[in-house]
Amino acid sequence: MTADAKLQIEWDSHDSDSWRGYLLDVARSNLIQTWPYAQAVRRSAQRRTRFGLIRLAAAPVGFCQIQELRLPGFHYVGLHRGPLWFDGQDNGHLATLFFEHFAAVYPQRPGRFRRLLPEIAASTANHEMLTRFGFKRQGEGYRTLWLHPTAPLEALRAGLHQKWRNRLRQSERQGIRCETRTDKAAFDWLLPRYLADRKAKRYRGPSSAMLSAMADSFSIQNDMLLLRAHLDGDMIAAILLFLHGRAATYQIGWSSTQGRKSAATNFLLWQAIEILKERGIDWFDLGGIHPDAAPGLTHFKSGLGGTAYQTIGAYK
């Protein structure tokens, strides 16, 4: 393939099945670039999603989806956690070609609001590349921890931080029972508990409308996994995961006072790792970390021993 091969994007000629196939060709995909997420955005935010297959010299190399909203005198275009490259295709040259193309198709102009959260790693070189094409940085990128469930369970357990592992052992001695659900009714049980906890602790998260829309669309695809912890006849904790291709993402959780005493969330996360391993999931995104805004949650997730990852930031 020549160095000056042309990059093109084939828009809106795809269906949900083909999009699921694309996700399977990406090791560490994200839920925001999925078909169910696009359906949820359309329901909750009234934005249209465009689905694009990226080609270089006619050969498929990756894909992306963008959200658009057009009103008289106003055009919003958002690229969130994209593009994603097929296995063996991820390199800086492709990213450069893509954002050069994006800047040409969606140049900044009066009335156009661009918001980009590029799925490229934080680095000086990547920032300079985006700046060269006229993008301006607005904020921090997405930070998370990735686990690799394909490793042997013994190795995964050994990789836990000692305090986290001790809490897991404590939970396993409690006699907690894990219930696995994939239906929307289980989500409807979790949502008010999560929202009440979020209000009491004053942390931010997706709107209830967006969460509900996501649960609808992911559960229809059988890509929602909700785990609940039972102890002495009571439900004491729950976690919600969404699956996408060969990866999964932790979305929300809730724990009662008894659940916290019993380390029920530790128990459920370990159960989730075992389930993901059985399902052949390669990567588990722990759902974001915020060392400054949420140091306690960050410390808890770090106890799982994942690999840190941070995207370049928000741009316009």
C-alpha atoms as a PDB file:
ATOM      1  CA  MET A   1       0.000   0.000   0.000  1.00  0.00           C
ATOM      2  CA  THR A   2       1.467   3.358  -1.011  1.00  0.00           C
ATOM      3  CA  ALA A   3       2.140   6.116   1.504  1.00  0.00           C
ATOM      4  CA  ASP A   4      -0.269   8.452  -0.298  1.00  0.00           C
ATOM      5  CA  ALA A   5      -3.176   5.964  -0.369  1.00  0.00           C
ATOM      6  CA  LYS A   6      -6.489   7.755   0.030  1.00  0.00           C
ATOM      7  CA  LEU A   7      -8.649   7.357   3.121  1.00  0.00           C
ATOM      8  CA  GLN A   8     -12.400   7.286   2.575  1.00  0.00           C
ATOM      9  CA  ILE A   9     -15.404   6.706   4.837  1.00  0.00           C
ATOM     10  CA  GLU A  10     -18.339   4.667   3.583  1.00  0.00           C
ATOM     11  CA  TRP A  11     -21.329   6.117   5.445  1.00  0.00           C
ATOM     12  CA  ASP A  12     -24.611   4.531   6.464  1.00  0.00           C
ATOM     13  CA  SER A  13     -24.519   1.338   4.422  1.00  0.00           C
ATOM     14  CA  HIS A  14     -24.394  -0.942   7.473  1.00  0.00           C
ATOM     15  CA  ASP A  15     -26.842  -2.754   9.747  1.00  0.00           C
ATOM     16  CA  SER A  16     -26.611  -3.935  13.345  1.00  0.00           C
ATOM     17  CA  ASP A  17     -25.285  -7.368  12.365  1.00  0.00           C
ATOM     18  CA  SER A  18     -22.446  -5.996  10.260  1.00  0.00           C
ATOM     19  CA  TRP A  19     -21.583  -3.524  13.032  1.00  0.00           C
ATOM     20  CA  ARG A  20     -21.384  -6.373  15.551  1.00  0.00           C
ATOM     21  CA  GLY A  21     -19.006  -8.088  13.165  1.00  0.00           C
ATOM     22  CA  TYR A  22     -16.799  -5.007  13.007  1.00  0.00           C
ATOM     23  CA  LEU A  23     -16.609  -4.905  16.817  1.00  0.00           C
ATOM     24  CA  LEU A  24     -15.398  -8.508  16.889  1.00  0.00           C
ATOM     25  CA  ASP A  25     -12.395  -7.436  14.803  1.00  0.00           C
ATOM     26  CA  VAL A  26     -11.285  -4.929  17.469  1.00  0.00           C
ATOM     27  CA  ALA A  27      -9.588  -6.203  20.619  1.00  0.00           C
ATOM     28  CA  ARG A  28     -10.382  -3.276  22.926  1.00  0.00           C
ATOM     29  CA  SER A  29     -13.582  -1.766  21.605  1.00  0.00           C
ATOM     30  CA  ASN A  30     -15.753   0.578  23.658  1.00  0.00           C
ATOM     31  CA  LEU A  31     -19.479   0.690  24.274  1.00  0.00           C
ATOM     32  CA  ILE A  32     -19.866   4.213  22.859  1.00  0.00           C
ATOM     33  CA  GLN A  33     -19.050   3.021  19.338  1.00  0.00           C
ATOM     34  CA  THR A  34     -21.728   0.303  19.407  1.00  0.00           C
ATOM     35  CA  TRP A  35     -25.054   0.049  17.613  1.00  0.00           C
ATOM     36  CA  PRO A  36     -27.089  -0.205  20.876  1.00  0.00           C
ATOM     37  CA  TYR A  37     -25.426   2.938  22.220  1.00  0.00           C
ATOM     38  CA  ALA A  38     -26.383   4.823  19.063  1.00  0.00           C
ATOM     39  CA  GLN A  39     -29.988   3.719  19.525  1.00  0.00           C
ATOM     40  CA  ALA A  40     -29.900   4.959  23.124  1.00  0.00           C
ATOM     41  CA  VAL A  41     -28.531   8.350  22.049  1.00  0.00           C
ATOM     42  CA  ARG A  42     -31.296   8.705  19.474  1.00  0.00           C
ATOM     43  CA  ARG A  43     -33.944   7.993  22.138  1.00  0.00           C
ATOM     44  CA  SER A  44     -32.537  10.124  24.947  1.00  0.00           C
ATOM     45  CA  ALA A  45     -30.815  13.001  23.122  1.00  0.00           C
ATOM     46  CA  GLN A  46     -32.604  13.062  19.746  1.00  0.00           C
ATOM     47  CA  ARG A  47     -29.320  12.939  17.860  1.00  0.00           C
ATOM     48  CA  ARG A  48     -28.851  11.111  14.608  1.00  0.00           C
ATOM     49  CA  THR A  49     -25.982   8.646  14.389  1.00  0.00           C
ATOM     50  CA  ARG A  50     -23.987   8.086  11.230  1.00  0.00           C
ATOM     51  CA  PHE A  51     -22.114   4.815  10.861  1.00  0.00           C
ATOM     52  CA  GLY A  52     -18.913   4.822   8.847  1.00  0.00           C
ATOM     53  CA  LEU A  53     -16.634   2.068   7.569  1.00  0.00           C
ATOM     54  CA  ILE A  54     -13.138   3.488   7.068  1.00  0.00           C
ATOM     55  CA  ARG A  55     -11.256   2.352   3.979  1.00  0.00           C
ATOM     56  CA  LEU A  56      -7.687   2.952   2.906  1.00  0.00           C
ATOM     57  CA  ALA A  57      -7.033   2.272  -0.777  1.00  0.00           C
ATOM     58  CA  ALA A  58     -10.480   0.568  -0.761  1.00  0.00           C
ATOM     59  CA  ALA A  59      -9.476  -1.912   1.972  1.00  0.00           C
ATOM     60  CA  PRO A  60     -11.454  -1.788   5.271  1.00  0.00           C
ATOM     61  CA  VAL A  61      -9.182  -0.665   8.119  1.00  0.00           C
ATOM     62  CA  GLY A  62     -11.585   0.528  10.827  1.00  0.00           C
ATOM     63  CA  PHE A  63     -14.872   2.209  11.615  1.00  0.00           C
ATOM     64  CA  CYS A  64     -16.475   5.056  13.520  1.00  0.00           C
ATOM     65  CA  GLN A  65     -19.835   6.501  14.366  1.00  0.00           C
ATOM     66  CA  ILE A  66     -20.658  10.152  14.863  1.00  0.00           C
ATOM     67  CA  GLN A  67     -23.685  11.912  16.322  1.00  0.00           C
ATOM     68  CA  GLU A  68     -25.271  14.828  14.529  1.00  0.00           C
ATOM     69  CA  LEU A  69     -27.999  17.326  15.312  1.00  0.00           C
ATOM     70  CA  ARG A  70     -29.071  19.887  12.718  1.00  0.00           C
ATOM     71  CA  LEU A  71     -31.278  22.885  13.452  1.00  0.00           C
ATOM     72  CA  PRO A  72     -31.657  26.162  11.564  1.00  0.00           C
ATOM     73  CA  GLY A  73     -28.298  27.892  11.907  1.00  0.00           C
ATOM     74  CA  PHE A  74     -26.885  25.154  14.138  1.00  0.00           C
ATOM     75  CA  HIS A  75     -24.987  21.933  13.470  1.00  0.00           C
ATOM     76  CA  TYR A  76     -23.649  19.667  16.208  1.00  0.00           C
ATOM     77  CA  VAL A  77     -21.231  16.901  15.272  1.00  0.00           C
ATOM     78  CA  GLY A  78     -19.718  14.607  17.873  1.00  0.00           C
ATOM     79  CA  LEU A  79     -17.111  11.877  17.595  1.00  0.00           C
ATOM     80  CA  HIS A  80     -16.898  10.042  20.908  1.00  0.00           C
ATOM     81  CA  ARG A  81     -14.290   7.318  21.517  1.00  0.00           C
ATOM     82  CA  GLY A  82     -13.606   6.774  17.843  1.00  0.00           C
ATOM     83  CA  PRO A  83     -12.289   5.799  15.415  1.00  0.00           C
ATOM     84  CA  LEU A  84     -11.605   2.124  16.117  1.00  0.00           C
ATOM     85  CA  TRP A  85      -9.123   0.201  13.999  1.00  0.00           C
ATOM     86  CA  PHE A  86      -9.333  -3.446  13.065  1.00  0.00           C
ATOM     87  CA  ASP A  87      -6.721  -5.770  14.553  1.00  0.00           C
ATOM     88  CA  GLY A  88      -3.340  -5.193  12.958  1.00  0.00           C
ATOM     89  CA  GLN A  89      -4.314  -1.774  11.564  1.00  0.00           C
ATOM     90  CA  ASP A  90      -3.769   0.552  14.532  1.00  0.00           C
ATOM     91  CA  ASN A  91      -0.984   3.027  13.811  1.00  0.00           C
ATOM     92  CA  GLY A  92      -0.353   6.743  13.982  1.00  0.00           C
ATOM     93  CA  HIS A  93      -0.459   7.127  10.214  1.00  0.00           C
ATOM     94  CA  LEU A  94      -4.090   5.997  10.050  1.00  0.00           C
ATOM     95  CA  ALA A  95      -5.093   8.382  12.836  1.00  0.00           C
ATOM     96  CA  THR A  96      -3.390  11.245  11.014  1.00  0.00           C
ATOM     97  CA  LEU A  97      -5.213  10.450   7.781  1.00  0.00           C
ATOM     98  CA  PHE A  98      -8.535  10.105   9.596  1.00  0.00           C
ATOM     99  CA  PHE A  99      -8.431  13.424  11.450  1.00  0.00           C
ATOM    100  CA  GLU A 100      -7.165  15.227   8.369  1.00  0.00           C
ATOM    101  CA  HIS A 101     -10.203  13.840   6.540  1.00  0.00           C
ATOM    102  CA  PHE A 102     -12.560  14.693   9.425  1.00  0.00           C
ATOM    103  CA  ALA A 103     -11.302  18.293   9.553  1.00  0.00           C
ATOM    104  CA  ALA A 104     -11.883  18.656   5.815  1.00  0.00           C
ATOM    105  CA  VAL A 105     -15.419  17.223   5.932  1.00  0.00           C
ATOM    106  CA  TYR A 106     -16.439  19.091   9.105  1.00  0.00           C
ATOM    107  CA  PRO A 107     -14.435  22.337   9.160  1.00  0.00           C
ATOM    108  CA  GLN A 108     -15.054  24.774  11.969  1.00  0.00           C
ATOM    109  CA  ARG A 109     -17.498  27.510  10.943  1.00  0.00           C
ATOM    110  CA  PRO A 110     -20.123  29.769  12.544  1.00  0.00           C
ATOM    111  CA  GLY A 111     -23.034  27.699  13.802  1.00  0.00           C
ATOM    112  CA  ARG A 112     -21.137  24.408  13.864  1.00  0.00           C
ATOM    113  CA  PHE A 113     -20.306  22.892  17.246  1.00  0.00           C
ATOM    114  CA  ARG A 114     -17.745  20.101  17.113  1.00  0.00           C
ATOM    115  CA  ARG A 115     -16.988  17.830  20.054  1.00  0.00           C
ATOM    116  CA  LEU A 116     -14.366  15.127  19.725  1.00  0.00           C
ATOM    117  CA  LEU A 117     -13.165  12.559  22.231  1.00  0.00           C
ATOM    118  CA  PRO A 118     -10.681  10.760  19.973  1.00  0.00           C
ATOM    119  CA  GLU A 119      -9.833   7.158  20.778  1.00  0.00           C
ATOM    120  CA  ILE A 120      -6.102   7.778  20.644  1.00  0.00           C
ATOM    121  CA  ALA A 121      -3.655   7.681  23.523  1.00  0.00           C
ATOM    122  CA  ALA A 122      -2.568  10.819  25.338  1.00  0.00           C
ATOM    123  CA  SER A 123       0.777  11.954  23.911  1.00  0.00           C
ATOM    124  CA  THR A 124       2.495  15.127  22.757  1.00  0.00           C
ATOM    125  CA  ALA A 125       2.699  13.796  19.203  1.00  0.00           C
ATOM    126  CA  ASN A 126      -1.044  13.108  19.039  1.00  0.00           C
ATOM    127  CA  HIS A 127      -1.886  16.533  20.473  1.00  0.00           C
ATOM    128  CA  GLU A 128       0.355  18.224  17.908  1.00  0.00           C
ATOM    129  CA  MET A 129      -1.273  16.199  15.131  1.00  0.00           C
ATOM    130  CA  LEU A 130      -4.793  17.272  16.153  1.00  0.00           C
ATOM    131  CA  THR A 131      -3.693  20.889  16.585  1.00  0.00           C
ATOM    132  CA  ARG A 132      -2.172  20.855  13.107  1.00  0.00           C
ATOM    133  CA  PHE A 133      -5.616  20.105  11.667  1.00  0.00           C
ATOM    134  CA  GLY A 134      -7.268  22.950  13.584  1.00  0.00           C
ATOM    135  CA  PHE A 135      -8.679  21.085  16.590  1.00  0.00           C
ATOM    136  CA  LYS A 136      -8.471  22.845  19.956  1.00  0.00           C
ATOM    137  CA  ARG A 137      -8.214  21.009  23.253  1.00  0.00           C
ATOM    138  CA  GLN A 138     -11.065  21.612  25.705  1.00  0.00           C
ATOM    139  CA  GLY A 139     -10.616  19.106  28.500  1.00  0.00           C
ATOM    140  CA  GLU A 140      -9.252  15.886  29.860  1.00  0.00           C
ATOM    141  CA  GLY A 141      -9.600  12.534  28.170  1.00  0.00           C
ATOM    142  CA  TYR A 142     -11.152   9.298  29.343  1.00  0.00           C
ATOM    143  CA  ARG A 143      -9.129   7.447  31.976  1.00  0.00           C
ATOM    144  CA  THR A 144      -9.739   3.848  32.881  1.00  0.00           C
ATOM    145  CA  LEU A 145      -8.207   0.514  33.790  1.00  0.00           C
ATOM    146  CA  TRP A 146      -8.327  -2.519  31.516  1.00  0.00           C
ATOM    147  CA  LEU A 147      -8.345  -6.102  32.771  1.00  0.00           C
ATOM    148  CA  HIS A 148      -7.476  -9.103  30.598  1.00  0.00           C
ATOM    149  CA  PRO A 149      -9.894 -11.919  31.607  1.00  0.00           C
ATOM    150  CA  THR A 150      -8.233 -14.402  29.263  1.00  0.00           C
ATOM    151  CA  ALA A 151      -5.372 -14.812  31.740  1.00  0.00           C
ATOM    152  CA  PRO A 152      -5.599 -17.837  34.088  1.00  0.00           C
ATOM    153  CA  LEU A 153      -7.815 -17.183  37.105  1.00  0.00           C
ATOM    154  CA  GLU A 154      -4.888 -17.919  39.404  1.00  0.00           C
ATOM    155  CA  ALA A 155      -2.850 -15.187  37.706  1.00  0.00           C
ATOM    156  CA  LEU A 156      -5.754 -12.731  37.826  1.00  0.00           C
ATOM    157  CA  ARG A 157      -6.259 -13.405  41.516  1.00  0.00           C
ATOM    158  CA  ALA A 158      -2.542 -13.055  42.207  1.00  0.00           C
ATOM    159  CA  GLY A 159      -2.624  -9.710  40.393  1.00  0.00           C
ATOM    160  CA  LEU A 160      -5.163  -8.262  42.824  1.00  0.00           C
ATOM    161  CA  HIS A 161      -3.776  -5.821  45.362  1.00  0.00           C
ATOM    162  CA  GLN A 162      -3.437  -7.504  48.745  1.00  0.00           C
ATOM    163  CA  LYS A 163      -6.129  -5.477  50.520  1.00  0.00           C
ATOM    164  CA  TRP A 164      -8.558  -6.041  47.638  1.00  0.00           C
ATOM    165  CA  ARG A 165      -7.803  -9.763  47.647  1.00  0.00           C
ATOM    166  CA  ASN A 166      -8.321  -9.927  51.410  1.00  0.00           C
ATOM    167  CA  ARG A 167     -11.715  -8.247  51.048  1.00  0.00           C
ATOM    168  CA  LEU A 168     -12.629 -10.738  48.329  1.00  0.00           C
ATOM    169  CA  ARG A 169     -11.749 -13.620  50.633  1.00  0.00           C
ATOM    170  CA  GLN A 170     -13.864 -12.018  53.348  1.00  0.00           C
ATOM    171  CA  SER A 171     -16.834 -11.816  50.970  1.00  0.00           C
ATOM    172  CA  GLU A 172     -16.423 -15.442  49.936  1.00  0.00           C
ATOM    173  CA  ARG A 173     -16.638 -16.531  53.575  1.00  0.00           C
ATOM    174  CA  GLN A 174     -19.935 -14.669  54.041  1.00  0.00           C
ATOM    175  CA  GLY A 175     -21.987 -17.110  51.989  1.00  0.00           C
ATOM    176  CA  ILE A 176     -23.020 -14.482  49.435  1.00  0.00           C
ATOM    177  CA  ARG A 177     -24.942 -15.836  46.448  1.00  0.00           C
ATOM    178  CA  CYS A 178     -24.571 -14.285  42.988  1.00  0.00           C
ATOM    179  CA  GLU A 179     -27.611 -13.975  40.718  1.00  0.00           C
ATOM    180  CA  THR A 180     -26.987 -13.270  37.035  1.00  0.00           C
ATOM    181  CA  ARG A 181     -29.645 -11.400  35.048  1.00  0.00           C
ATOM    182  CA  THR A 182     -29.842 -10.130  31.486  1.00  0.00           C
ATOM    183  CA  ASP A 183     -33.377  -8.707  31.459  1.00  0.00           C
ATOM    184  CA  LYS A 184     -34.621  -5.123  31.604  1.00  0.00           C
ATOM    185  CA  ALA A 185     -36.699  -5.831  34.737  1.00  0.00           C
ATOM    186  CA  ALA A 186     -33.508  -6.386  36.730  1.00  0.00           C
ATOM    187  CA  PHE A 187     -32.192  -3.037  35.511  1.00  0.00           C
ATOM    188  CA  ASP A 188     -35.449  -1.343  36.532  1.00  0.00           C
ATOM    189  CA  TRP A 189     -34.848  -2.714  40.036  1.00  0.00           C
ATOM    190  CA  LEU A 190     -31.263  -1.384  40.127  1.00  0.00           C
ATOM    191  CA  LEU A 191     -31.820   2.086  38.643  1.00  0.00           C
ATOM    192  CA  PRO A 192     -33.657   3.798  41.556  1.00  0.00           C
ATOM    193  CA  ARG A 193     -31.156   2.388  44.042  1.00  0.00           C
ATOM    194  CA  TYR A 194     -28.244   3.650  41.974  1.00  0.00           C
ATOM    195  CA  LEU A 195     -29.826   7.096  41.523  1.00  0.00           C
ATOM    196  CA  ALA A 196     -30.537   7.427  45.255  1.00  0.00           C
ATOM    197  CA  ASP A 197     -26.939   6.491  46.050  1.00  0.00           C
ATOM    198  CA  ARG A 198     -25.632   8.955  43.462  1.00  0.00           C
ATOM    199  CA  LYS A 199     -27.745  11.759  44.898  1.00  0.00           C
ATOM    200  CA  ALA A 200     -26.671  11.001  48.463  1.00  0.00           C
ATOM    201  CA  LYS A 201     -22.969  10.852  47.568  1.00  0.00           C
ATOM    202  CA  ARG A 202     -23.123  13.669  44.987  1.00  0.00           C
ATOM    203  CA  TYR A 203     -21.251  12.017  42.168  1.00  0.00           C
ATOM    204  CA  ARG A 204     -21.962  12.429  38.489  1.00  0.00           C
ATOM    205  CA  GLY A 205     -23.092   9.897  35.933  1.00  0.00           C
ATOM    206  CA  PRO A 206     -25.301   9.396  32.879  1.00  0.00           C
ATOM    207  CA  SER A 207     -28.898  10.579  33.087  1.00  0.00           C
ATOM    208  CA  SER A 208     -31.566   8.092  34.095  1.00  0.00           C
ATOM    209  CA  ALA A 209     -33.090   8.461  30.619  1.00  0.00           C
ATOM    210  CA  MET A 210     -29.800   7.563  28.943  1.00  0.00           C
ATOM    211  CA  LEU A 211     -29.154   4.627  31.275  1.00  0.00           C
ATOM    212  CA  SER A 212     -32.661   3.298  30.698  1.00  0.00           C
ATOM    213  CA  ALA A 213     -32.307   3.654  26.935  1.00  0.00           C
ATOM    214  CA  MET A 214     -28.956   1.851  27.041  1.00  0.00           C
ATOM    215  CA  ALA A 215     -30.434  -0.987  29.099  1.00  0.00           C
ATOM    216  CA  ASP A 216     -33.253  -1.334  26.566  1.00  0.00           C
ATOM    217  CA  SER A 217     -30.994  -1.484  23.529  1.00  0.00           C
ATOM    218  CA  PHE A 218     -28.205  -3.611  25.017  1.00  0.00           C
ATOM    219  CA  SER A 219     -30.584  -6.127  26.622  1.00  0.00           C
ATOM    220  CA  ILE A 220     -32.372  -6.661  23.301  1.00  0.00           C
ATOM    221  CA  GLN A 221     -28.995  -7.634  21.816  1.00  0.00           C
ATOM    222  CA  ASN A 222     -28.293  -9.882  24.844  1.00  0.00           C
ATOM    223  CA  ASP A 223     -25.301  -7.674  25.624  1.00  0.00           C
ATOM    224  CA  MET A 224     -26.324  -6.605  29.133  1.00  0.00           C
ATOM    225  CA  LEU A 225     -25.112  -8.410  32.239  1.00  0.00           C
ATOM    226  CA  LEU A 226     -26.447  -7.541  35.696  1.00  0.00           C
ATOM    227  CA  LEU A 227     -25.144  -9.313  38.786  1.00  0.00           C
ATOM    228  CA  ARG A 228     -26.914  -9.132  42.162  1.00  0.00           C
ATOM    229  CA  ALA A 229     -25.562 -10.261  45.535  1.00  0.00           C
ATOM    230  CA  HIS A 230     -27.890 -12.047  47.974  1.00  0.00           C
ATOM    231  CA  LEU A 231     -27.145 -12.569  51.660  1.00  0.00           C
ATOM    232  CA  ASP A 232     -29.565 -13.951  54.255  1.00  0.00           C
ATOM    233  CA  GLY A 233     -32.533 -13.366  51.972  1.00  0.00           C
ATOM    234  CA  ASP A 234     -31.646  -9.756  51.144  1.00  0.00           C
ATOM    235  CA  MET A 235     -30.202  -8.243  47.967  1.00  0.00           C
ATOM    236  CA  ILE A 236     -27.222  -6.238  49.159  1.00  0.00           C
ATOM    237  CA  ALA A 237     -25.376  -5.129  46.000  1.00  0.00           C
ATOM    238  CA  ALA A 238     -25.506  -5.104  42.211  1.00  0.00           C
ATOM    239  CA  ILE A 239     -23.302  -4.231  39.251  1.00  0.00           C
ATOM    240  CA  LEU A 240     -24.208  -3.597  35.606  1.00  0.00           C
ATOM    241  CA  LEU A 241     -21.980  -4.419  32.637  1.00  0.00           C
ATOM    242  CA  PHE A 242     -22.441  -3.926  28.909  1.00  0.00           C
ATOM    243  CA  LEU A 243     -20.767  -6.234  26.393  1.00  0.00           C
ATOM    244  CA  HIS A 244     -19.432  -5.074  23.031  1.00  0.00           C
ATOM    245  CA  GLY A 245     -17.569  -7.386  20.700  1.00  0.00           C
ATOM    246  CA  ARG A 246     -14.628  -8.959  22.516  1.00  0.00           C
ATOM    247  CA  ALA A 247     -14.794  -6.462  25.376  1.00  0.00           C
ATOM    248  CA  ALA A 248     -17.083  -5.428  28.218  1.00  0.00           C
ATOM    249  CA  THR A 249     -17.523  -2.266  30.293  1.00  0.00           C
ATOM    250  CA  TYR A 250     -18.578  -1.772  33.904  1.00  0.00           C
ATOM    251  CA  GLN A 251     -21.357   0.843  33.859  1.00  0.00           C
ATOM    252  CA  ILE A 252     -22.950   1.350  37.290  1.00  0.00           C
ATOM    253  CA  GLY A 253     -23.248  -0.335  40.661  1.00  0.00           C
ATOM    254  CA  TRP A 254     -24.983  -0.102  44.012  1.00  0.00           C
ATOM    255  CA  SER A 255     -24.294  -1.464  47.466  1.00  0.00           C
ATOM    256  CA  SER A 256     -26.290  -1.354  50.697  1.00  0.00           C
ATOM    257  CA  THR A 257     -24.707  -0.799  54.092  1.00  0.00           C
ATOM    258  CA  GLN A 258     -24.624  -4.564  54.572  1.00  0.00           C
ATOM    259  CA  GLY A 259     -23.172  -4.952  51.102  1.00  0.00           C
ATOM    260  CA  ARG A 260     -20.289  -2.647  51.953  1.00  0.00           C
ATOM    261  CA  LYS A 261     -19.643  -4.462  55.235  1.00  0.00           C
ATOM    262  CA  SER A 262     -19.635  -7.790  53.406  1.00  0.00           C
ATOM    263  CA  ALA A 263     -17.423  -6.601  50.506  1.00  0.00           C
ATOM    264  CA  ALA A 264     -20.216  -7.625  48.142  1.00  0.00           C
ATOM    265  CA  THR A 265     -18.970  -5.465  45.267  1.00  0.00           C
ATOM    266  CA  ASN A 266     -15.586  -7.187  45.415  1.00  0.00           C
ATOM    267  CA  PHE A 267     -17.442 -10.494  45.239  1.00  0.00           C
ATOM    268  CA  LEU A 268     -19.590  -9.427  42.273  1.00  0.00           C
ATOM    269  CA  LEU A 269     -16.678  -8.035  40.279  1.00  0.00           C
ATOM    270  CA  TRP A 270     -14.768 -11.268  40.706  1.00  0.00           C
ATOM    271  CA  GLN A 271     -17.852 -13.228  39.641  1.00  0.00           C
ATOM    272  CA  ALA A 272     -18.111 -10.939  36.600  1.00  0.00           C
ATOM    273  CA  ILE A 273     -14.492 -11.659  35.674  1.00  0.00           C
ATOM    274  CA  GLU A 274     -15.182 -15.396  35.799  1.00  0.00           C
ATOM    275  CA  ILE A 275     -18.311 -15.001  33.639  1.00  0.00           C
ATOM    276  CA  LEU A 276     -16.517 -12.825  31.082  1.00  0.00           C
ATOM    277  CA  LYS A 277     -13.733 -15.379  30.907  1.00  0.00           C
ATOM    278  CA  GLU A 278     -16.264 -18.154  30.237  1.00  0.00           C
ATOM    279  CA  ARG A 279     -17.848 -16.070  27.475  1.00  0.00           C
ATOM    280  CA  GLY A 280     -14.522 -15.506  25.747  1.00  0.00           C
ATOM    281  CA  ILE A 281     -14.344 -11.781  26.482  1.00  0.00           C
ATOM    282  CA  ASP A 282     -10.762 -10.562  26.004  1.00  0.00           C
ATOM    283  CA  TRP A 283     -10.885  -7.178  27.749  1.00  0.00           C
ATOM    284  CA  PHE A 284     -12.806  -5.642  30.643  1.00  0.00           C
ATOM    285  CA  ASP A 285     -12.995  -1.843  30.949  1.00  0.00           C
ATOM    286  CA  LEU A 286     -13.540  -1.008  34.620  1.00  0.00           C
ATOM    287  CA  GLY A 287     -15.696   1.965  33.689  1.00  0.00           C
ATOM    288  CA  GLY A 288     -13.452   4.960  34.143  1.00  0.00           C
ATOM    289  CA  ILE A 289     -11.364   6.370  36.975  1.00  0.00           C
ATOM    290  CA  HIS A 290     -11.175   9.904  38.359  1.00  0.00           C
ATOM    291  CA  PRO A 291      -8.168  10.268  40.686  1.00  0.00           C
ATOM    292  CA  ASP A 292      -9.041  13.865  41.630  1.00  0.00           C
ATOM    293  CA  ALA A 293     -12.858  13.882  41.613  1.00  0.00           C
ATOM    294  CA  ALA A 294     -13.367  10.337  42.926  1.00  0.00           C
ATOM    295  CA  PRO A 295     -10.178   9.148  44.648  1.00  0.00           C
ATOM    296  CA  GLY A 296     -11.954   6.474  46.698  1.00  0.00           C
ATOM    297  CA  LEU A 297     -13.537   4.819  43.670  1.00  0.00           C
ATOM    298  CA  THR A 298     -10.267   5.091  41.769  1.00  0.00           C
ATOM    299  CA  HIS A 299      -8.413   3.405  44.624  1.00  0.00           C
ATOM    300  CA  PHE A 300     -11.008   0.622  44.750  1.00  0.00           C
ATOM    301  CA  LYS A 301     -10.838  -0.090  41.012  1.00  0.00           C
ATOM    302  CA  SER A 302      -7.043   0.091  41.059  1.00  0.00           C
ATOM    303  CA  GLY A 303      -7.095  -2.803  43.510  1.00  0.00           C
ATOM    304  CA  LEU A 304      -8.066  -5.106  40.640  1.00  0.00           C
ATOM    305  CA  GLY A 305      -4.614  -4.604  39.158  1.00  0.00           C
ATOM    306  CA  GLY A 306      -5.621  -3.479  35.671  1.00  0.00           C
ATOM    307  CA  THR A 307      -3.583  -1.645  33.043  1.00  0.00           C
ATOM    308  CA  ALA A 308      -3.997   2.144  33.045  1.00  0.00           C
ATOM    309  CA  TYR A 309      -5.196   3.827  29.846  1.00  0.00           C
ATOM    310  CA  GLN A 310      -5.916   7.481  29.031  1.00  0.00           C
ATOM    311  CA  THR A 311      -7.188   9.042  25.815  1.00  0.00           C
ATOM    312  CA  ILE A 312      -5.848  12.293  24.418  1.00  0.00           C
ATOM    313  CA  GLY A 313      -8.671  14.563  25.643  1.00  0.00           C
ATOM    314  CA  ALA A 314     -11.693  16.530  24.468  1.00  0.00           C
ATOM    315  CA  TYR A 315     -11.302  18.719  21.376  1.00  0.00           C
ATOM    316  CA  LYS A 316     -13.437  20.999  19.257  1.00  0.00           C
END
